[in-house]
Amino acid sequence: MKLETERLVLKSIDESRVDDILKIRSNEITNQFVKRIQPKTNYDALDFILTIKKRVENKETFYWGISLKNQTNLIGTICLYRFSVDRTEAEIGYELLPDYHRQGIMSEALQAVLNFGFNELNLNNILAFTNKFNENSKSLLLKHQFVLEDGRIDEGFPENLVFNKINIII
């Protein structure tokens, strides 16, 4: 499923995106606040892509690669995953190559995915977990009216803060 904004195309990923996914997911700056095993080879990136494709097919995840409209390469990713059993709540995750930070790109992508989550999937709320030292991510979430849930813990990740955005129906 493709989403478009003024400057961006959010598109599904497939095996042709191995190099882009390897570049994004192995970037040291991108990973400084993320606890995960970084891909080291094209095979690792391909394995990740195949896992994501399966989760998308099973409707466990909505996952998009982010590219500028005038480029074909991916510069980041954004996803909705970890849906509640009743499918009223999901978690959002995102990453962006450092060369594209501070340009409003992730803000634009985030708004498109929030609109999709609330208007197409009828989610009641979307959670975001971010490292307490990741100032860019915290600022992005606050800009989009996510609220810090004081006292809520991300099990297994004590340095994470939990933010929540509730769908307000007017």
N, C-alpha and C. Protein backbone atom coordinates (compact mmCIF):
# COMPACT_ATOMS: atom_id res chain seq x y z
N MET A 1 0.84 -1.17 0.00
CA MET A 1 0.00 0.00 0.00
C MET A 1 0.89 1.24 0.00
N LYS A 2 0.63 2.14 -0.91
CA LYS A 2 1.43 3.34 -1.08
C LYS A 2 0.70 4.54 -0.48
N LEU A 3 1.46 5.38 0.22
CA LEU A 3 0.95 6.65 0.72
C LEU A 3 1.81 7.75 0.11
N GLU A 4 1.20 8.89 -0.20
CA GLU A 4 1.96 10.02 -0.74
C GLU A 4 1.68 11.27 0.05
N THR A 5 2.71 12.11 0.15
CA THR A 5 2.59 13.42 0.77
C THR A 5 3.11 14.43 -0.25
N GLU A 6 3.23 15.66 0.16
CA GLU A 6 3.71 16.70 -0.75
C GLU A 6 5.08 16.35 -1.34
N ARG A 7 5.99 15.87 -0.49
CA ARG A 7 7.36 15.60 -0.94
C ARG A 7 7.75 14.14 -0.98
N LEU A 8 6.93 13.27 -0.39
CA LEU A 8 7.35 11.89 -0.13
C LEU A 8 6.45 10.85 -0.76
N VAL A 9 7.04 9.69 -1.00
CA VAL A 9 6.29 8.49 -1.34
C VAL A 9 6.64 7.46 -0.27
N LEU A 10 5.63 6.91 0.37
CA LEU A 10 5.79 5.82 1.34
C LEU A 10 5.30 4.57 0.63
N LYS A 11 6.21 3.61 0.45
CA LYS A 11 5.89 2.46 -0.38
C LYS A 11 6.34 1.16 0.27
N SER A 12 5.72 0.09 -0.16
CA SER A 12 6.09 -1.22 0.37
C SER A 12 7.52 -1.54 -0.06
N ILE A 13 8.16 -2.39 0.72
CA ILE A 13 9.53 -2.78 0.37
C ILE A 13 9.52 -4.21 -0.14
N ASP A 14 10.46 -4.49 -1.03
CA ASP A 14 10.62 -5.85 -1.53
C ASP A 14 12.11 -6.13 -1.70
N GLU A 15 12.41 -7.26 -2.29
CA GLU A 15 13.79 -7.73 -2.39
C GLU A 15 14.69 -6.77 -3.16
N SER A 16 14.11 -5.92 -4.00
CA SER A 16 14.92 -4.96 -4.77
C SER A 16 15.49 -3.85 -3.87
N ARG A 17 15.06 -3.80 -2.62
CA ARG A 17 15.48 -2.73 -1.70
C ARG A 17 16.56 -3.17 -0.71
N VAL A 18 17.22 -4.26 -1.01
CA VAL A 18 18.24 -4.80 -0.09
C VAL A 18 19.30 -3.77 0.25
N ASP A 19 19.86 -3.10 -0.75
CA ASP A 19 20.93 -2.13 -0.49
C ASP A 19 20.43 -0.97 0.38
N ASP A 20 19.22 -0.48 0.09
CA ASP A 20 18.66 0.63 0.87
C ASP A 20 18.43 0.21 2.32
N ILE A 21 17.85 -0.95 2.52
CA ILE A 21 17.56 -1.43 3.88
C ILE A 21 18.85 -1.67 4.65
N LEU A 22 19.85 -2.24 4.00
CA LEU A 22 21.15 -2.43 4.65
C LEU A 22 21.73 -1.08 5.08
N LYS A 23 21.67 -0.10 4.21
CA LYS A 23 22.21 1.23 4.52
C LYS A 23 21.48 1.87 5.70
N ILE A 24 20.16 1.79 5.69
CA ILE A 24 19.35 2.42 6.75
C ILE A 24 19.55 1.70 8.09
N ARG A 25 19.40 0.38 8.08
CA ARG A 25 19.39 -0.37 9.34
C ARG A 25 20.77 -0.63 9.92
N SER A 26 21.83 -0.37 9.16
CA SER A 26 23.18 -0.56 9.69
C SER A 26 23.86 0.77 10.01
N ASN A 27 23.16 1.88 9.80
CA ASN A 27 23.75 3.19 10.06
C ASN A 27 23.96 3.41 11.56
N GLU A 28 25.17 3.76 11.94
CA GLU A 28 25.51 3.90 13.36
C GLU A 28 24.71 5.01 14.04
N ILE A 29 24.51 6.11 13.36
CA ILE A 29 23.76 7.23 13.97
C ILE A 29 22.29 6.84 14.13
N THR A 30 21.73 6.21 13.10
CA THR A 30 20.34 5.75 13.18
C THR A 30 20.15 4.77 14.34
N ASN A 31 21.16 3.96 14.58
CA ASN A 31 21.05 2.90 15.58
C ASN A 31 21.50 3.28 16.97
N GLN A 32 21.96 4.50 17.18
CA GLN A 32 22.53 4.81 18.49
C GLN A 32 21.50 4.72 19.62
N PHE A 33 20.22 4.85 19.30
CA PHE A 33 19.19 4.77 20.34
C PHE A 33 18.31 3.53 20.20
N VAL A 34 18.67 2.62 19.29
CA VAL A 34 17.85 1.45 19.01
C VAL A 34 18.62 0.19 19.41
N LYS A 35 17.96 -0.65 20.18
CA LYS A 35 18.57 -1.92 20.58
C LYS A 35 18.11 -3.00 19.60
N ARG A 36 18.98 -3.34 18.66
CA ARG A 36 18.67 -4.40 17.70
C ARG A 36 19.97 -4.93 17.12
N ILE A 37 19.88 -6.07 16.52
CA ILE A 37 21.03 -6.64 15.83
C ILE A 37 21.09 -5.97 14.45
N GLN A 38 22.18 -5.29 14.19
CA GLN A 38 22.32 -4.58 12.93
C GLN A 38 22.67 -5.56 11.80
N PRO A 39 22.08 -5.37 10.63
CA PRO A 39 22.47 -6.21 9.50
C PRO A 39 23.91 -5.88 9.08
N LYS A 40 24.64 -6.90 8.72
CA LYS A 40 26.03 -6.69 8.31
C LYS A 40 26.24 -7.00 6.83
N THR A 41 25.31 -7.74 6.26
CA THR A 41 25.45 -8.17 4.87
C THR A 41 24.13 -7.98 4.13
N ASN A 42 24.20 -8.09 2.81
CA ASN A 42 22.98 -8.05 2.00
C ASN A 42 22.04 -9.20 2.38
N TYR A 43 22.62 -10.33 2.75
CA TYR A 43 21.79 -11.47 3.17
C TYR A 43 20.98 -11.11 4.41
N ASP A 44 21.62 -10.43 5.38
CA ASP A 44 20.90 -10.01 6.60
C ASP A 44 19.75 -9.08 6.24
N ALA A 45 20.01 -8.14 5.33
CA ALA A 45 18.96 -7.19 4.91
C ALA A 45 17.84 -7.92 4.18
N LEU A 46 18.21 -8.87 3.33
CA LEU A 46 17.20 -9.64 2.61
C LEU A 46 16.35 -10.45 3.58
N ASP A 47 16.96 -11.05 4.57
CA ASP A 47 16.24 -11.81 5.57
C ASP A 47 15.23 -10.91 6.29
N PHE A 48 15.65 -9.69 6.63
CA PHE A 48 14.74 -8.74 7.27
C PHE A 48 13.57 -8.41 6.34
N ILE A 49 13.86 -8.14 5.08
CA ILE A 49 12.80 -7.79 4.12
C ILE A 49 11.80 -8.94 3.99
N LEU A 50 12.28 -10.15 3.90
CA LEU A 50 11.37 -11.30 3.77
C LEU A 50 10.51 -11.47 5.02
N THR A 51 11.10 -11.21 6.18
CA THR A 51 10.33 -11.26 7.43
C THR A 51 9.23 -10.20 7.42
N ILE A 52 9.58 -8.99 7.04
CA ILE A 52 8.60 -7.90 6.99
C ILE A 52 7.50 -8.21 5.97
N LYS A 53 7.88 -8.70 4.80
CA LYS A 53 6.87 -9.03 3.79
C LYS A 53 5.86 -10.04 4.32
N LYS A 54 6.35 -11.03 5.05
CA LYS A 54 5.45 -12.04 5.62
C LYS A 54 4.51 -11.40 6.64
N ARG A 55 5.05 -10.54 7.49
CA ARG A 55 4.21 -9.86 8.50
C ARG A 55 3.19 -8.93 7.85
N VAL A 56 3.56 -8.29 6.75
CA VAL A 56 2.61 -7.44 6.02
C VAL A 56 1.51 -8.30 5.41
N GLU A 57 1.89 -9.40 4.77
CA GLU A 57 0.90 -10.31 4.18
C GLU A 57 -0.06 -10.85 5.23
N ASN A 58 0.44 -11.10 6.44
CA ASN A 58 -0.40 -11.61 7.54
C ASN A 58 -1.13 -10.51 8.29
N LYS A 59 -0.99 -9.27 7.83
CA LYS A 59 -1.64 -8.10 8.43
C LYS A 59 -1.21 -7.86 9.88
N GLU A 60 0.01 -8.31 10.20
CA GLU A 60 0.59 -8.05 11.52
C GLU A 60 1.24 -6.67 11.55
N THR A 61 1.63 -6.18 10.38
CA THR A 61 2.42 -4.96 10.26
C THR A 61 2.03 -4.21 9.01
N PHE A 62 2.09 -2.89 9.09
CA PHE A 62 2.07 -2.03 7.91
C PHE A 62 3.44 -1.37 7.89
N TYR A 63 4.18 -1.55 6.81
CA TYR A 63 5.58 -1.13 6.76
C TYR A 63 5.85 -0.42 5.44
N TRP A 64 6.40 0.78 5.53
CA TRP A 64 6.69 1.56 4.34
C TRP A 64 8.14 1.99 4.29
N GLY A 65 8.70 1.97 3.09
CA GLY A 65 9.97 2.64 2.84
C GLY A 65 9.66 4.08 2.46
N ILE A 66 10.50 4.99 2.90
CA ILE A 66 10.29 6.42 2.64
C ILE A 66 11.27 6.86 1.56
N SER A 67 10.75 7.50 0.52
CA SER A 67 11.63 8.11 -0.49
C SER A 67 11.09 9.48 -0.86
N LEU A 68 11.99 10.33 -1.30
CA LEU A 68 11.58 11.62 -1.84
C LEU A 68 10.94 11.36 -3.20
N LYS A 69 9.96 12.19 -3.59
CA LYS A 69 9.24 11.94 -4.84
C LYS A 69 10.16 11.95 -6.06
N ASN A 70 11.24 12.70 -6.00
CA ASN A 70 12.13 12.80 -7.16
C ASN A 70 13.28 11.79 -7.11
N GLN A 71 13.22 10.83 -6.18
CA GLN A 71 14.27 9.82 -6.04
C GLN A 71 13.64 8.44 -5.91
N THR A 72 14.41 7.42 -6.26
CA THR A 72 13.89 6.07 -6.11
C THR A 72 14.40 5.39 -4.85
N ASN A 73 15.57 5.82 -4.36
CA ASN A 73 16.15 5.15 -3.19
C ASN A 73 15.38 5.47 -1.92
N LEU A 74 15.43 4.54 -0.98
CA LEU A 74 14.79 4.74 0.32
C LEU A 74 15.73 5.52 1.22
N ILE A 75 15.15 6.44 1.98
CA ILE A 75 15.94 7.24 2.93
C ILE A 75 15.54 6.94 4.37
N GLY A 76 14.51 6.14 4.54
CA GLY A 76 14.04 5.78 5.87
C GLY A 76 12.91 4.79 5.78
N THR A 77 12.39 4.42 6.95
CA THR A 77 11.23 3.53 7.00
C THR A 77 10.31 4.01 8.12
N ILE A 78 9.06 3.58 8.03
CA ILE A 78 8.07 3.87 9.08
C ILE A 78 7.06 2.74 9.08
N CYS A 79 6.57 2.39 10.26
CA CYS A 79 5.67 1.24 10.33
C CYS A 79 4.67 1.37 11.48
N LEU A 80 3.59 0.63 11.34
CA LEU A 80 2.62 0.38 12.41
C LEU A 80 2.69 -1.11 12.68
N TYR A 81 2.84 -1.49 13.94
CA TYR A 81 2.99 -2.90 14.30
C TYR A 81 2.58 -3.10 15.75
N ARG A 82 2.72 -4.32 16.23
CA ARG A 82 2.32 -4.68 17.59
C ARG A 82 0.89 -4.22 17.89
N PHE A 83 -0.02 -4.64 17.04
CA PHE A 83 -1.43 -4.28 17.21
C PHE A 83 -1.99 -5.00 18.43
N SER A 84 -2.90 -4.34 19.12
CA SER A 84 -3.61 -4.98 20.21
C SER A 84 -4.51 -6.07 19.62
N VAL A 85 -4.94 -6.99 20.45
CA VAL A 85 -5.77 -8.10 19.99
C VAL A 85 -7.04 -7.59 19.31
N ASP A 86 -7.62 -6.51 19.84
CA ASP A 86 -8.85 -5.96 19.26
C ASP A 86 -8.59 -4.97 18.13
N ARG A 87 -7.30 -4.78 17.77
CA ARG A 87 -6.88 -3.92 16.65
C ARG A 87 -7.30 -2.47 16.82
N THR A 88 -7.36 -1.99 18.07
CA THR A 88 -7.67 -0.58 18.32
C THR A 88 -6.43 0.22 18.68
N GLU A 89 -5.31 -0.48 18.90
CA GLU A 89 -4.07 0.17 19.31
C GLU A 89 -2.92 -0.45 18.53
N ALA A 90 -1.95 0.39 18.17
CA ALA A 90 -0.74 -0.10 17.50
C ALA A 90 0.44 0.75 17.94
N GLU A 91 1.61 0.23 17.67
CA GLU A 91 2.84 0.97 17.94
C GLU A 91 3.37 1.49 16.61
N ILE A 92 3.97 2.67 16.65
CA ILE A 92 4.60 3.23 15.46
C ILE A 92 6.11 3.20 15.66
N GLY A 93 6.82 2.92 14.59
CA GLY A 93 8.28 2.93 14.62
C GLY A 93 8.78 3.62 13.36
N TYR A 94 9.93 4.25 13.45
CA TYR A 94 10.45 4.99 12.29
C TYR A 94 11.96 5.14 12.41
N GLU A 95 12.59 5.35 11.27
CA GLU A 95 14.02 5.61 11.20
C GLU A 95 14.30 6.37 9.92
N LEU A 96 15.33 7.22 9.96
CA LEU A 96 15.66 8.07 8.82
C LEU A 96 17.16 8.27 8.77
N LEU A 97 17.71 8.15 7.57
CA LEU A 97 19.15 8.37 7.42
C LEU A 97 19.53 9.78 7.89
N PRO A 98 20.65 9.94 8.57
CA PRO A 98 21.04 11.22 9.16
C PRO A 98 21.14 12.38 8.17
N ASP A 99 21.49 12.11 6.91
CA ASP A 99 21.59 13.19 5.92
C ASP A 99 20.24 13.88 5.70
N TYR A 100 19.16 13.26 6.12
CA TYR A 100 17.82 13.80 5.89
C TYR A 100 17.16 14.30 7.17
N HIS A 101 17.89 14.29 8.27
CA HIS A 101 17.35 14.82 9.53
C HIS A 101 17.15 16.32 9.43
N ARG A 102 16.26 16.84 10.27
CA ARG A 102 16.02 18.28 10.44
C ARG A 102 15.50 18.96 9.17
N GLN A 103 14.78 18.20 8.34
CA GLN A 103 14.20 18.75 7.11
C GLN A 103 12.68 18.58 7.08
N GLY A 104 12.11 18.09 8.18
CA GLY A 104 10.66 17.89 8.24
C GLY A 104 10.18 16.63 7.53
N ILE A 105 11.12 15.80 7.08
CA ILE A 105 10.75 14.60 6.32
C ILE A 105 10.01 13.60 7.20
N MET A 106 10.56 13.31 8.37
CA MET A 106 9.89 12.33 9.22
C MET A 106 8.57 12.88 9.75
N SER A 107 8.50 14.16 9.97
CA SER A 107 7.25 14.77 10.41
C SER A 107 6.16 14.56 9.34
N GLU A 108 6.52 14.74 8.10
CA GLU A 108 5.59 14.56 6.99
C GLU A 108 5.17 13.08 6.86
N ALA A 109 6.13 12.19 6.98
CA ALA A 109 5.82 10.76 6.91
C ALA A 109 4.96 10.33 8.10
N LEU A 110 5.31 10.81 9.27
CA LEU A 110 4.55 10.46 10.48
C LEU A 110 3.10 10.91 10.35
N GLN A 111 2.87 12.12 9.87
CA GLN A 111 1.50 12.61 9.73
C GLN A 111 0.70 11.73 8.78
N ALA A 112 1.32 11.30 7.68
CA ALA A 112 0.62 10.44 6.72
C ALA A 112 0.24 9.10 7.35
N VAL A 113 1.15 8.53 8.15
CA VAL A 113 0.88 7.24 8.77
C VAL A 113 -0.13 7.39 9.91
N LEU A 114 -0.08 8.48 10.65
CA LEU A 114 -1.10 8.73 11.68
C LEU A 114 -2.48 8.83 11.03
N ASN A 115 -2.57 9.57 9.94
CA ASN A 115 -3.85 9.69 9.23
C ASN A 115 -4.34 8.32 8.78
N PHE A 116 -3.45 7.52 8.24
CA PHE A 116 -3.81 6.17 7.80
C PHE A 116 -4.28 5.33 8.98
N GLY A 117 -3.53 5.37 10.06
CA GLY A 117 -3.88 4.56 11.23
C GLY A 117 -5.22 4.94 11.84
N PHE A 118 -5.46 6.22 11.97
CA PHE A 118 -6.71 6.67 12.60
C PHE A 118 -7.90 6.62 11.63
N ASN A 119 -7.69 6.99 10.37
CA ASN A 119 -8.81 7.11 9.44
C ASN A 119 -9.10 5.85 8.64
N GLU A 120 -8.08 5.06 8.33
CA GLU A 120 -8.28 3.85 7.53
C GLU A 120 -8.37 2.60 8.40
N LEU A 121 -7.54 2.53 9.42
CA LEU A 121 -7.54 1.36 10.30
C LEU A 121 -8.43 1.55 11.52
N ASN A 122 -8.93 2.76 11.71
CA ASN A 122 -9.81 3.08 12.84
C ASN A 122 -9.18 2.78 14.20
N LEU A 123 -7.89 3.06 14.31
CA LEU A 123 -7.22 2.89 15.60
C LEU A 123 -7.71 3.95 16.58
N ASN A 124 -7.75 3.58 17.84
CA ASN A 124 -8.10 4.54 18.89
C ASN A 124 -6.88 5.27 19.41
N ASN A 125 -5.76 4.57 19.45
CA ASN A 125 -4.52 5.23 19.88
C ASN A 125 -3.31 4.54 19.28
N ILE A 126 -2.26 5.33 19.17
CA ILE A 126 -0.99 4.87 18.61
C ILE A 126 0.10 5.18 19.62
N LEU A 127 0.87 4.16 19.95
CA LEU A 127 1.95 4.29 20.92
C LEU A 127 3.29 4.47 20.20
N ALA A 128 4.19 5.17 20.86
CA ALA A 128 5.56 5.30 20.37
C ALA A 128 6.50 5.13 21.56
N PHE A 129 7.50 4.31 21.37
CA PHE A 129 8.51 4.07 22.40
C PHE A 129 9.82 4.64 21.88
N THR A 130 10.44 5.53 22.65
CA THR A 130 11.69 6.13 22.20
C THR A 130 12.65 6.27 23.37
N ASN A 131 13.92 6.21 23.07
CA ASN A 131 14.95 6.34 24.09
C ASN A 131 14.88 7.73 24.72
N LYS A 132 15.04 7.80 26.03
CA LYS A 132 14.91 9.07 26.75
C LYS A 132 15.97 10.08 26.33
N PHE A 133 17.04 9.63 25.68
CA PHE A 133 18.09 10.55 25.22
C PHE A 133 17.92 10.96 23.75
N ASN A 134 16.92 10.42 23.07
CA ASN A 134 16.70 10.73 21.67
C ASN A 134 15.83 12.00 21.55
N GLU A 135 16.50 13.13 21.62
CA GLU A 135 15.79 14.41 21.64
C GLU A 135 15.01 14.66 20.35
N ASN A 136 15.56 14.27 19.19
CA ASN A 136 14.86 14.48 17.93
C ASN A 136 13.54 13.71 17.90
N SER A 137 13.56 12.47 18.35
CA SER A 137 12.35 11.66 18.35
C SER A 137 11.32 12.21 19.34
N LYS A 138 11.78 12.58 20.52
CA LYS A 138 10.85 13.14 21.51
C LYS A 138 10.20 14.42 20.98
N SER A 139 10.98 15.28 20.36
CA SER A 139 10.44 16.53 19.80
C SER A 139 9.43 16.25 18.70
N LEU A 140 9.74 15.26 17.84
CA LEU A 140 8.83 14.89 16.76
C LEU A 140 7.48 14.43 17.32
N LEU A 141 7.53 13.57 18.33
CA LEU A 141 6.30 13.05 18.92
C LEU A 141 5.49 14.15 19.58
N LEU A 142 6.14 15.03 20.31
CA LEU A 142 5.42 16.13 20.97
C LEU A 142 4.81 17.08 19.94
N LYS A 143 5.52 17.32 18.85
CA LYS A 143 5.00 18.17 17.77
C LYS A 143 3.70 17.61 17.20
N HIS A 144 3.59 16.29 17.22
CA HIS A 144 2.39 15.63 16.67
C HIS A 144 1.39 15.24 17.76
N GLN A 145 1.47 15.94 18.89
CA GLN A 145 0.52 15.79 20.00
C GLN A 145 0.52 14.42 20.66
N PHE A 146 1.63 13.71 20.61
CA PHE A 146 1.76 12.53 21.45
C PHE A 146 1.98 13.02 22.88
N VAL A 147 1.51 12.26 23.83
CA VAL A 147 1.63 12.63 25.24
C VAL A 147 2.49 11.59 25.94
N LEU A 148 3.45 12.07 26.73
CA LEU A 148 4.30 11.17 27.51
C LEU A 148 3.45 10.50 28.58
N GLU A 149 3.54 9.19 28.66
CA GLU A 149 2.81 8.44 29.68
C GLU A 149 3.75 8.20 30.86
N ASP A 150 3.74 9.13 31.79
CA ASP A 150 4.59 9.02 32.97
C ASP A 150 4.30 7.73 33.71
N GLY A 151 5.36 7.05 34.10
CA GLY A 151 5.21 5.84 34.88
C GLY A 151 5.03 4.58 34.07
N ARG A 152 4.70 4.71 32.79
CA ARG A 152 4.56 3.52 31.95
C ARG A 152 5.95 3.05 31.53
N ILE A 153 6.18 1.76 31.59
CA ILE A 153 7.50 1.19 31.34
C ILE A 153 7.47 0.34 30.07
N ASP A 154 8.51 0.47 29.28
CA ASP A 154 8.71 -0.39 28.12
C ASP A 154 9.49 -1.60 28.62
N GLU A 155 8.79 -2.69 28.85
CA GLU A 155 9.38 -3.89 29.45
C GLU A 155 10.64 -4.33 28.70
N GLY A 156 11.75 -4.45 29.41
CA GLY A 156 13.00 -4.87 28.81
C GLY A 156 13.85 -3.74 28.25
N PHE A 157 13.29 -2.54 28.20
CA PHE A 157 14.00 -1.38 27.67
C PHE A 157 13.85 -0.21 28.64
N PRO A 158 14.57 -0.24 29.75
CA PRO A 158 14.38 0.75 30.81
C PRO A 158 14.71 2.19 30.41
N GLU A 159 15.47 2.38 29.32
CA GLU A 159 15.80 3.74 28.90
C GLU A 159 14.76 4.33 27.95
N ASN A 160 13.71 3.57 27.65
CA ASN A 160 12.69 4.07 26.75
C ASN A 160 11.59 4.82 27.49
N LEU A 161 11.07 5.83 26.82
CA LEU A 161 9.87 6.54 27.27
C LEU A 161 8.71 6.06 26.40
N VAL A 162 7.51 6.10 26.96
CA VAL A 162 6.32 5.68 26.23
C VAL A 162 5.45 6.91 25.98
N PHE A 163 5.13 7.12 24.71
CA PHE A 163 4.25 8.21 24.29
C PHE A 163 2.99 7.61 23.70
N ASN A 164 1.89 8.34 23.80
CA ASN A 164 0.61 7.87 23.30
C ASN A 164 -0.10 9.00 22.57
N LYS A 165 -0.70 8.69 21.45
CA LYS A 165 -1.55 9.65 20.74
C LYS A 165 -2.92 9.02 20.61
N ILE A 166 -3.90 9.71 21.11
CA ILE A 166 -5.28 9.21 21.09
C ILE A 166 -6.02 9.85 19.92
N ASN A 167 -6.80 9.05 19.23
CA ASN A 167 -7.61 9.55 18.13
C ASN A 167 -8.80 10.30 18.71
N ILE A 168 -8.80 11.59 18.51
CA ILE A 168 -9.90 12.42 19.01
C ILE A 168 -10.88 12.65 17.87
N ILE A 169 -12.06 12.10 18.03
CA ILE A 169 -13.09 12.23 17.01
C ILE A 169 -13.95 13.46 17.32
N ILE A 170 -14.00 14.33 16.36
CA ILE A 170 -14.75 15.58 16.57
C ILE A 170 -16.08 15.49 15.86
